[in-house]
N, C-alpha and C. Protein backbone atom coordinates (compact mmCIF):
# COMPACT_ATOMS: atom_id res chain seq x y z
N MET A 1 9.48 -8.72 -7.47
CA MET A 1 8.45 -7.87 -8.04
C MET A 1 9.11 -6.62 -8.61
N THR A 2 8.62 -6.12 -9.71
CA THR A 2 9.23 -4.96 -10.35
C THR A 2 8.58 -3.68 -9.85
N GLU A 3 9.34 -2.60 -10.02
CA GLU A 3 8.82 -1.30 -9.62
C GLU A 3 7.77 -0.84 -10.62
N PRO A 4 6.78 -0.09 -10.17
CA PRO A 4 5.81 0.45 -11.11
C PRO A 4 6.48 1.44 -12.04
N LYS A 5 5.97 1.57 -13.24
CA LYS A 5 6.53 2.50 -14.20
C LYS A 5 6.32 3.94 -13.75
N ASN A 6 5.26 4.18 -13.07
CA ASN A 6 4.89 5.53 -12.70
C ASN A 6 4.39 5.52 -11.25
N MET A 7 5.00 6.33 -10.41
CA MET A 7 4.57 6.38 -9.01
C MET A 7 3.10 6.76 -8.88
N ALA A 8 2.57 7.44 -9.91
CA ALA A 8 1.15 7.82 -9.87
C ALA A 8 0.25 6.60 -9.95
N GLU A 9 0.80 5.45 -10.42
CA GLU A 9 0.01 4.22 -10.49
C GLU A 9 -0.33 3.69 -9.10
N LEU A 10 0.44 4.06 -8.12
CA LEU A 10 0.22 3.57 -6.77
C LEU A 10 -1.01 4.25 -6.17
N LYS A 11 -1.91 3.44 -5.68
CA LYS A 11 -3.12 3.98 -5.09
C LYS A 11 -2.93 4.22 -3.60
N ARG A 12 -3.59 5.23 -3.12
CA ARG A 12 -3.49 5.58 -1.71
C ARG A 12 -4.20 4.58 -0.82
N ILE A 13 -3.74 4.54 0.40
CA ILE A 13 -4.43 3.86 1.48
C ILE A 13 -4.93 4.97 2.39
N LEU A 14 -6.20 4.93 2.74
CA LEU A 14 -6.75 5.93 3.66
C LEU A 14 -6.84 5.30 5.04
N LEU A 15 -6.11 5.87 6.00
CA LEU A 15 -6.12 5.41 7.39
C LEU A 15 -6.93 6.42 8.21
N VAL A 16 -8.01 5.94 8.80
CA VAL A 16 -8.88 6.79 9.62
C VAL A 16 -8.68 6.34 11.07
N GLU A 17 -7.89 7.10 11.81
CA GLU A 17 -7.46 6.68 13.15
C GLU A 17 -7.19 7.91 14.00
N ASP A 18 -7.76 7.96 15.20
CA ASP A 18 -7.55 9.11 16.08
C ASP A 18 -6.41 8.92 17.07
N SER A 19 -5.94 7.70 17.27
CA SER A 19 -4.85 7.44 18.20
C SER A 19 -3.49 7.67 17.52
N LYS A 20 -2.74 8.65 18.03
CA LYS A 20 -1.42 8.94 17.45
C LYS A 20 -0.52 7.71 17.51
N LYS A 21 -0.60 6.98 18.61
CA LYS A 21 0.22 5.77 18.78
C LYS A 21 -0.12 4.73 17.71
N ASP A 22 -1.41 4.50 17.48
CA ASP A 22 -1.82 3.51 16.48
C ASP A 22 -1.48 3.96 15.06
N VAL A 23 -1.55 5.27 14.79
CA VAL A 23 -1.14 5.78 13.48
C VAL A 23 0.34 5.49 13.27
N GLU A 24 1.16 5.81 14.27
CA GLU A 24 2.60 5.59 14.16
C GLU A 24 2.92 4.10 13.97
N LEU A 25 2.28 3.25 14.76
CA LEU A 25 2.51 1.80 14.62
C LEU A 25 2.10 1.30 13.24
N THR A 26 0.98 1.79 12.74
CA THR A 26 0.49 1.36 11.43
C THR A 26 1.44 1.80 10.33
N LEU A 27 1.85 3.05 10.35
CA LEU A 27 2.76 3.56 9.33
C LEU A 27 4.10 2.84 9.37
N ASN A 28 4.62 2.59 10.58
CA ASN A 28 5.88 1.86 10.71
C ASN A 28 5.77 0.44 10.17
N ALA A 29 4.67 -0.23 10.46
CA ALA A 29 4.48 -1.60 9.98
C ALA A 29 4.41 -1.65 8.46
N LEU A 30 3.72 -0.71 7.85
CA LEU A 30 3.63 -0.68 6.38
C LEU A 30 4.99 -0.36 5.77
N GLU A 31 5.72 0.57 6.40
CA GLU A 31 7.04 0.94 5.90
C GLU A 31 8.03 -0.22 6.02
N GLU A 32 7.97 -0.96 7.12
CA GLU A 32 8.85 -2.12 7.31
C GLU A 32 8.70 -3.14 6.19
N HIS A 33 7.51 -3.22 5.63
CA HIS A 33 7.27 -4.18 4.55
C HIS A 33 7.47 -3.54 3.18
N HIS A 34 8.01 -2.34 3.16
CA HIS A 34 8.35 -1.64 1.93
C HIS A 34 7.15 -1.37 1.04
N LEU A 35 6.00 -1.15 1.64
CA LEU A 35 4.83 -0.80 0.86
C LEU A 35 5.01 0.66 0.42
N ALA A 36 5.06 0.89 -0.86
CA ALA A 36 5.40 2.20 -1.40
C ALA A 36 4.20 3.13 -1.54
N ASN A 37 3.03 2.64 -1.26
CA ASN A 37 1.83 3.46 -1.42
C ASN A 37 1.80 4.61 -0.43
N GLU A 38 1.25 5.72 -0.87
CA GLU A 38 1.01 6.84 0.03
C GLU A 38 -0.10 6.45 1.00
N VAL A 39 0.09 6.77 2.27
CA VAL A 39 -0.95 6.56 3.27
C VAL A 39 -1.43 7.93 3.71
N VAL A 40 -2.70 8.19 3.48
CA VAL A 40 -3.31 9.45 3.92
C VAL A 40 -3.93 9.17 5.28
N VAL A 41 -3.58 9.97 6.27
CA VAL A 41 -4.10 9.80 7.63
C VAL A 41 -5.08 10.91 7.93
N VAL A 42 -6.28 10.52 8.35
CA VAL A 42 -7.26 11.49 8.85
C VAL A 42 -7.63 11.06 10.26
N ARG A 43 -7.96 12.04 11.12
CA ARG A 43 -8.07 11.78 12.56
C ARG A 43 -9.48 11.57 13.09
N ASP A 44 -10.50 11.75 12.25
CA ASP A 44 -11.87 11.53 12.73
C ASP A 44 -12.77 11.19 11.55
N GLY A 45 -13.97 10.76 11.86
CA GLY A 45 -14.90 10.33 10.83
C GLY A 45 -15.34 11.45 9.91
N ALA A 46 -15.51 12.65 10.45
CA ALA A 46 -15.93 13.79 9.63
C ALA A 46 -14.86 14.11 8.59
N GLU A 47 -13.59 14.07 8.99
CA GLU A 47 -12.50 14.34 8.05
C GLU A 47 -12.42 13.24 6.99
N ALA A 48 -12.67 12.00 7.38
CA ALA A 48 -12.67 10.90 6.41
C ALA A 48 -13.73 11.13 5.33
N LEU A 49 -14.91 11.53 5.76
CA LEU A 49 -15.99 11.79 4.80
C LEU A 49 -15.66 12.99 3.91
N ASP A 50 -15.06 14.03 4.49
CA ASP A 50 -14.64 15.18 3.69
C ASP A 50 -13.62 14.75 2.64
N PHE A 51 -12.66 13.91 3.03
CA PHE A 51 -11.64 13.44 2.08
C PHE A 51 -12.29 12.67 0.94
N LEU A 52 -13.14 11.71 1.28
CA LEU A 52 -13.74 10.85 0.26
C LEU A 52 -14.74 11.58 -0.63
N HIS A 53 -15.43 12.57 -0.07
CA HIS A 53 -16.38 13.36 -0.86
C HIS A 53 -15.73 14.60 -1.50
N ARG A 54 -14.43 14.80 -1.24
CA ARG A 54 -13.68 15.94 -1.77
C ARG A 54 -14.33 17.27 -1.36
N ARG A 55 -14.55 17.40 -0.04
CA ARG A 55 -15.16 18.61 0.52
C ARG A 55 -14.13 19.35 1.37
N GLY A 56 -14.45 20.60 1.67
CA GLY A 56 -13.61 21.38 2.58
C GLY A 56 -12.18 21.47 2.08
N LYS A 57 -11.22 21.19 2.94
CA LYS A 57 -9.81 21.32 2.56
C LYS A 57 -9.39 20.29 1.51
N TYR A 58 -10.23 19.29 1.24
CA TYR A 58 -9.92 18.26 0.23
C TYR A 58 -10.63 18.52 -1.10
N GLU A 59 -11.26 19.67 -1.24
CA GLU A 59 -12.06 19.97 -2.42
C GLU A 59 -11.26 19.86 -3.72
N GLY A 60 -10.02 20.26 -3.71
CA GLY A 60 -9.22 20.27 -4.94
C GLY A 60 -8.43 19.00 -5.21
N ARG A 61 -8.55 18.00 -4.36
CA ARG A 61 -7.74 16.80 -4.56
C ARG A 61 -8.25 16.02 -5.78
N PRO A 62 -7.36 15.21 -6.39
CA PRO A 62 -7.78 14.41 -7.56
C PRO A 62 -8.97 13.51 -7.23
N ASP A 63 -9.81 13.29 -8.22
CA ASP A 63 -11.01 12.47 -8.04
C ASP A 63 -10.66 11.01 -8.23
N GLU A 64 -10.01 10.44 -7.23
CA GLU A 64 -9.68 9.01 -7.27
C GLU A 64 -9.92 8.41 -5.90
N LEU A 65 -10.33 7.16 -5.91
CA LEU A 65 -10.60 6.48 -4.65
C LEU A 65 -9.34 5.78 -4.16
N PRO A 66 -9.18 5.66 -2.85
CA PRO A 66 -8.05 4.89 -2.33
C PRO A 66 -8.24 3.41 -2.63
N ALA A 67 -7.15 2.65 -2.54
CA ALA A 67 -7.22 1.20 -2.74
C ALA A 67 -8.04 0.56 -1.63
N VAL A 68 -7.94 1.12 -0.42
CA VAL A 68 -8.65 0.58 0.74
C VAL A 68 -8.75 1.66 1.81
N VAL A 69 -9.77 1.56 2.63
CA VAL A 69 -9.91 2.43 3.81
C VAL A 69 -9.72 1.56 5.04
N LEU A 70 -8.74 1.90 5.87
CA LEU A 70 -8.55 1.25 7.17
C LEU A 70 -9.24 2.17 8.18
N LEU A 71 -10.35 1.70 8.73
CA LEU A 71 -11.25 2.55 9.50
C LEU A 71 -11.36 2.09 10.94
N ASP A 72 -11.03 2.99 11.87
CA ASP A 72 -11.24 2.70 13.29
C ASP A 72 -12.73 2.82 13.59
N LEU A 73 -13.19 2.06 14.54
CA LEU A 73 -14.61 2.07 14.90
C LEU A 73 -14.96 3.25 15.80
N LYS A 74 -14.16 3.44 16.84
CA LYS A 74 -14.41 4.49 17.83
C LYS A 74 -13.65 5.75 17.43
N LEU A 75 -14.37 6.70 16.84
CA LEU A 75 -13.76 7.94 16.35
C LEU A 75 -14.50 9.15 16.89
N PRO A 76 -13.79 10.29 17.02
CA PRO A 76 -14.49 11.52 17.40
C PRO A 76 -15.32 12.05 16.23
N LYS A 77 -16.25 12.90 16.54
CA LYS A 77 -17.15 13.60 15.60
C LYS A 77 -18.13 12.65 14.92
N VAL A 78 -17.65 11.76 14.07
CA VAL A 78 -18.51 10.78 13.39
C VAL A 78 -17.85 9.42 13.58
N ASP A 79 -18.56 8.46 14.20
CA ASP A 79 -17.92 7.17 14.48
C ASP A 79 -17.78 6.32 13.21
N GLY A 80 -16.99 5.26 13.33
CA GLY A 80 -16.69 4.41 12.19
C GLY A 80 -17.91 3.77 11.55
N LEU A 81 -18.89 3.38 12.35
CA LEU A 81 -20.11 2.78 11.79
C LEU A 81 -20.89 3.78 10.94
N GLU A 82 -20.94 5.02 11.37
CA GLU A 82 -21.63 6.05 10.59
C GLU A 82 -20.87 6.35 9.29
N VAL A 83 -19.54 6.38 9.37
CA VAL A 83 -18.73 6.57 8.15
C VAL A 83 -19.03 5.43 7.18
N LEU A 84 -18.98 4.20 7.68
CA LEU A 84 -19.26 3.03 6.85
C LEU A 84 -20.66 3.10 6.24
N ARG A 85 -21.64 3.46 7.05
CA ARG A 85 -23.03 3.58 6.58
C ARG A 85 -23.11 4.57 5.42
N GLU A 86 -22.45 5.73 5.58
CA GLU A 86 -22.51 6.75 4.54
C GLU A 86 -21.78 6.30 3.27
N LEU A 87 -20.65 5.64 3.42
CA LEU A 87 -19.91 5.16 2.25
C LEU A 87 -20.73 4.16 1.45
N LYS A 88 -21.34 3.22 2.13
CA LYS A 88 -22.08 2.16 1.45
C LYS A 88 -23.41 2.65 0.87
N ALA A 89 -23.88 3.82 1.31
CA ALA A 89 -25.11 4.40 0.76
C ALA A 89 -24.83 5.29 -0.45
N ASP A 90 -23.56 5.56 -0.72
CA ASP A 90 -23.18 6.45 -1.82
C ASP A 90 -22.81 5.62 -3.05
N ASP A 91 -23.46 5.88 -4.17
CA ASP A 91 -23.23 5.09 -5.39
C ASP A 91 -21.77 5.09 -5.83
N ARG A 92 -21.07 6.19 -5.67
CA ARG A 92 -19.68 6.29 -6.09
C ARG A 92 -18.74 5.59 -5.11
N LEU A 93 -19.06 5.61 -3.83
CA LEU A 93 -18.13 5.12 -2.81
C LEU A 93 -18.42 3.70 -2.33
N LYS A 94 -19.59 3.16 -2.65
CA LYS A 94 -19.97 1.87 -2.07
C LYS A 94 -19.09 0.71 -2.51
N ILE A 95 -18.37 0.84 -3.62
CA ILE A 95 -17.48 -0.23 -4.06
C ILE A 95 -16.14 -0.23 -3.32
N LEU A 96 -15.88 0.82 -2.59
CA LEU A 96 -14.61 0.99 -1.89
C LEU A 96 -14.42 -0.07 -0.81
N PRO A 97 -13.31 -0.83 -0.84
CA PRO A 97 -13.06 -1.79 0.24
C PRO A 97 -12.79 -1.05 1.56
N VAL A 98 -13.48 -1.46 2.60
CA VAL A 98 -13.33 -0.85 3.92
C VAL A 98 -13.01 -1.95 4.93
N VAL A 99 -11.89 -1.78 5.64
CA VAL A 99 -11.49 -2.71 6.69
C VAL A 99 -11.65 -2.00 8.02
N MET A 100 -12.48 -2.55 8.89
CA MET A 100 -12.64 -2.02 10.23
C MET A 100 -11.44 -2.52 11.03
N LEU A 101 -10.59 -1.61 11.46
CA LEU A 101 -9.39 -1.92 12.24
C LEU A 101 -9.62 -1.30 13.61
N THR A 102 -9.98 -2.13 14.59
CA THR A 102 -10.50 -1.60 15.85
C THR A 102 -10.06 -2.42 17.05
N SER A 103 -10.18 -1.84 18.21
CA SER A 103 -9.90 -2.57 19.45
C SER A 103 -11.17 -3.23 20.00
N SER A 104 -12.31 -2.96 19.38
CA SER A 104 -13.59 -3.49 19.88
C SER A 104 -13.76 -4.97 19.55
N ARG A 105 -14.00 -5.75 20.60
CA ARG A 105 -14.30 -7.17 20.43
C ARG A 105 -15.79 -7.44 20.66
N GLU A 106 -16.57 -6.37 20.74
CA GLU A 106 -18.00 -6.52 21.02
C GLU A 106 -18.71 -7.10 19.81
N GLU A 107 -19.49 -8.15 20.06
CA GLU A 107 -20.20 -8.84 18.99
C GLU A 107 -21.13 -7.89 18.22
N GLN A 108 -21.78 -6.97 18.93
CA GLN A 108 -22.70 -6.06 18.25
C GLN A 108 -21.96 -5.17 17.25
N ASP A 109 -20.72 -4.76 17.56
CA ASP A 109 -19.94 -3.95 16.62
C ASP A 109 -19.57 -4.77 15.39
N LEU A 110 -19.16 -6.00 15.62
CA LEU A 110 -18.80 -6.91 14.53
C LEU A 110 -19.99 -7.15 13.61
N VAL A 111 -21.12 -7.53 14.19
CA VAL A 111 -22.33 -7.83 13.41
C VAL A 111 -22.79 -6.59 12.65
N ARG A 112 -22.84 -5.46 13.32
CA ARG A 112 -23.31 -4.23 12.68
C ARG A 112 -22.39 -3.82 11.53
N SER A 113 -21.09 -3.98 11.71
CA SER A 113 -20.14 -3.65 10.65
C SER A 113 -20.41 -4.47 9.39
N TYR A 114 -20.61 -5.77 9.57
CA TYR A 114 -20.90 -6.62 8.41
C TYR A 114 -22.27 -6.33 7.82
N GLN A 115 -23.24 -6.00 8.64
CA GLN A 115 -24.56 -5.62 8.12
C GLN A 115 -24.46 -4.38 7.23
N LEU A 116 -23.55 -3.49 7.58
CA LEU A 116 -23.38 -2.26 6.82
C LEU A 116 -22.47 -2.42 5.60
N GLY A 117 -21.85 -3.60 5.45
CA GLY A 117 -21.06 -3.85 4.25
C GLY A 117 -19.56 -3.76 4.38
N VAL A 118 -19.02 -3.87 5.59
CA VAL A 118 -17.57 -3.83 5.75
C VAL A 118 -16.94 -5.01 5.01
N SER A 119 -15.75 -4.81 4.46
CA SER A 119 -15.05 -5.86 3.73
C SER A 119 -14.36 -6.84 4.68
N ALA A 120 -13.87 -6.33 5.81
CA ALA A 120 -13.21 -7.17 6.81
C ALA A 120 -13.25 -6.44 8.15
N TYR A 121 -13.22 -7.22 9.23
CA TYR A 121 -13.25 -6.68 10.59
C TYR A 121 -12.05 -7.27 11.31
N VAL A 122 -11.10 -6.43 11.68
CA VAL A 122 -9.86 -6.89 12.30
C VAL A 122 -9.71 -6.22 13.66
N VAL A 123 -9.56 -7.05 14.70
CA VAL A 123 -9.34 -6.52 16.05
C VAL A 123 -7.85 -6.26 16.21
N LYS A 124 -7.51 -5.04 16.64
CA LYS A 124 -6.12 -4.66 16.84
C LYS A 124 -5.52 -5.48 17.98
N PRO A 125 -4.44 -6.20 17.72
CA PRO A 125 -3.77 -6.91 18.81
C PRO A 125 -3.15 -5.91 19.79
N VAL A 126 -3.10 -6.28 21.05
CA VAL A 126 -2.51 -5.42 22.07
C VAL A 126 -0.98 -5.46 21.99
N ASP A 127 -0.43 -6.62 21.67
CA ASP A 127 1.01 -6.81 21.57
C ASP A 127 1.57 -6.06 20.36
N PHE A 128 2.65 -5.30 20.56
CA PHE A 128 3.23 -4.49 19.49
C PHE A 128 3.62 -5.32 18.27
N ASP A 129 4.32 -6.42 18.47
CA ASP A 129 4.78 -7.24 17.34
C ASP A 129 3.60 -7.83 16.57
N GLN A 130 2.60 -8.29 17.30
CA GLN A 130 1.41 -8.82 16.63
C GLN A 130 0.67 -7.73 15.87
N PHE A 131 0.61 -6.54 16.45
CA PHE A 131 -0.03 -5.41 15.77
C PHE A 131 0.70 -5.11 14.46
N ALA A 132 2.03 -5.04 14.53
CA ALA A 132 2.83 -4.76 13.33
C ALA A 132 2.61 -5.82 12.25
N ARG A 133 2.60 -7.09 12.65
CA ARG A 133 2.37 -8.18 11.68
C ARG A 133 0.98 -8.09 11.06
N THR A 134 0.00 -7.80 11.88
CA THR A 134 -1.38 -7.69 11.40
C THR A 134 -1.51 -6.58 10.36
N VAL A 135 -0.96 -5.41 10.66
CA VAL A 135 -1.05 -4.28 9.74
C VAL A 135 -0.28 -4.57 8.45
N LYS A 136 0.87 -5.19 8.58
CA LYS A 136 1.67 -5.55 7.42
C LYS A 136 0.87 -6.45 6.48
N GLU A 137 0.24 -7.47 7.05
CA GLU A 137 -0.55 -8.40 6.26
C GLU A 137 -1.78 -7.73 5.65
N LEU A 138 -2.41 -6.83 6.40
CA LEU A 138 -3.54 -6.08 5.86
C LEU A 138 -3.11 -5.23 4.67
N GLY A 139 -2.01 -4.52 4.83
CA GLY A 139 -1.50 -3.67 3.75
C GLY A 139 -1.18 -4.47 2.51
N LEU A 140 -0.50 -5.59 2.70
CA LEU A 140 -0.16 -6.45 1.56
C LEU A 140 -1.40 -6.97 0.86
N PHE A 141 -2.35 -7.49 1.62
CA PHE A 141 -3.53 -8.06 0.99
C PHE A 141 -4.34 -7.01 0.25
N TRP A 142 -4.72 -5.93 0.94
CA TRP A 142 -5.65 -4.98 0.36
C TRP A 142 -5.02 -4.07 -0.67
N ALA A 143 -3.73 -3.77 -0.56
CA ALA A 143 -3.11 -2.84 -1.49
C ALA A 143 -2.28 -3.53 -2.57
N VAL A 144 -1.97 -4.83 -2.40
CA VAL A 144 -1.13 -5.51 -3.38
C VAL A 144 -1.82 -6.73 -3.97
N ILE A 145 -2.28 -7.64 -3.13
CA ILE A 145 -2.82 -8.91 -3.59
C ILE A 145 -4.24 -8.77 -4.12
N ASN A 146 -5.08 -8.07 -3.38
CA ASN A 146 -6.48 -7.92 -3.76
C ASN A 146 -6.61 -7.16 -5.08
N GLU A 147 -7.48 -7.64 -5.94
CA GLU A 147 -7.80 -6.92 -7.18
C GLU A 147 -8.91 -5.93 -6.86
N PRO A 148 -8.62 -4.62 -6.91
CA PRO A 148 -9.63 -3.64 -6.53
C PRO A 148 -10.76 -3.57 -7.55
N PRO A 149 -11.94 -3.18 -7.11
CA PRO A 149 -13.05 -3.03 -8.04
C PRO A 149 -12.79 -1.87 -9.00
N PRO A 150 -13.45 -1.86 -10.15
CA PRO A 150 -13.31 -0.73 -11.07
C PRO A 150 -13.61 0.57 -10.34
N GLY A 151 -12.78 1.56 -10.58
CA GLY A 151 -12.98 2.85 -9.92
C GLY A 151 -12.05 3.06 -8.75
N CYS A 152 -11.48 1.97 -8.23
CA CYS A 152 -10.51 2.10 -7.13
C CYS A 152 -9.09 2.06 -7.66
N GLY A 153 -8.92 1.98 -8.97
CA GLY A 153 -7.63 2.14 -9.61
C GLY A 153 -6.74 0.94 -9.63
N ALA A 154 -5.49 1.21 -9.99
CA ALA A 154 -4.48 0.17 -10.18
C ALA A 154 -4.10 -0.48 -8.87
N LYS A 155 -3.59 -1.70 -9.00
CA LYS A 155 -3.07 -2.39 -7.82
C LYS A 155 -1.84 -1.65 -7.32
N ALA A 156 -1.57 -1.79 -6.06
CA ALA A 156 -0.39 -1.20 -5.46
C ALA A 156 0.81 -2.10 -5.70
N HIS A 157 1.99 -1.55 -5.55
CA HIS A 157 3.20 -2.34 -5.77
C HIS A 157 4.18 -2.08 -4.64
N PRO A 158 4.64 -3.13 -3.94
CA PRO A 158 5.68 -2.92 -2.95
C PRO A 158 7.04 -2.91 -3.63
N PHE A 159 8.00 -2.28 -3.04
CA PHE A 159 9.38 -2.37 -3.50
C PHE A 159 10.07 -3.37 -2.60
N VAL A 160 10.67 -4.38 -3.18
CA VAL A 160 11.37 -5.39 -2.38
C VAL A 160 12.82 -5.43 -2.73
């Protein structure tokens, strides 16, 4: 695969995760697969909404959507289901692919996520190697293979 002509062509991945350990594991897994996209990390649901709505400290950021949102279900301030509900109710944000990346195996969480319009629901494996493989495959699919909807920008490109 060839390098993109312009690093600005690479779309961001938004990771919404409050666990420092899971953030580190996710970033390491994406880096191991040479995914060149910027990963923006926010630690709670309120910050995720501020980022996507360009509010507060994110007010001046460019008006572009990430390629995908990797969203934890159990978050402080505003939980993942409420973030998802708000995104899918917003005309500008509802096209955004959202992957619920969570430790919850509860059927009600799974069903509710799909009712609210989640693109995929992935349970975080407990095993480190399985977790790394899962995140790597998620990053590849959503940021490289998947054709994003209009408004979510160019496809991502890994460097190999």
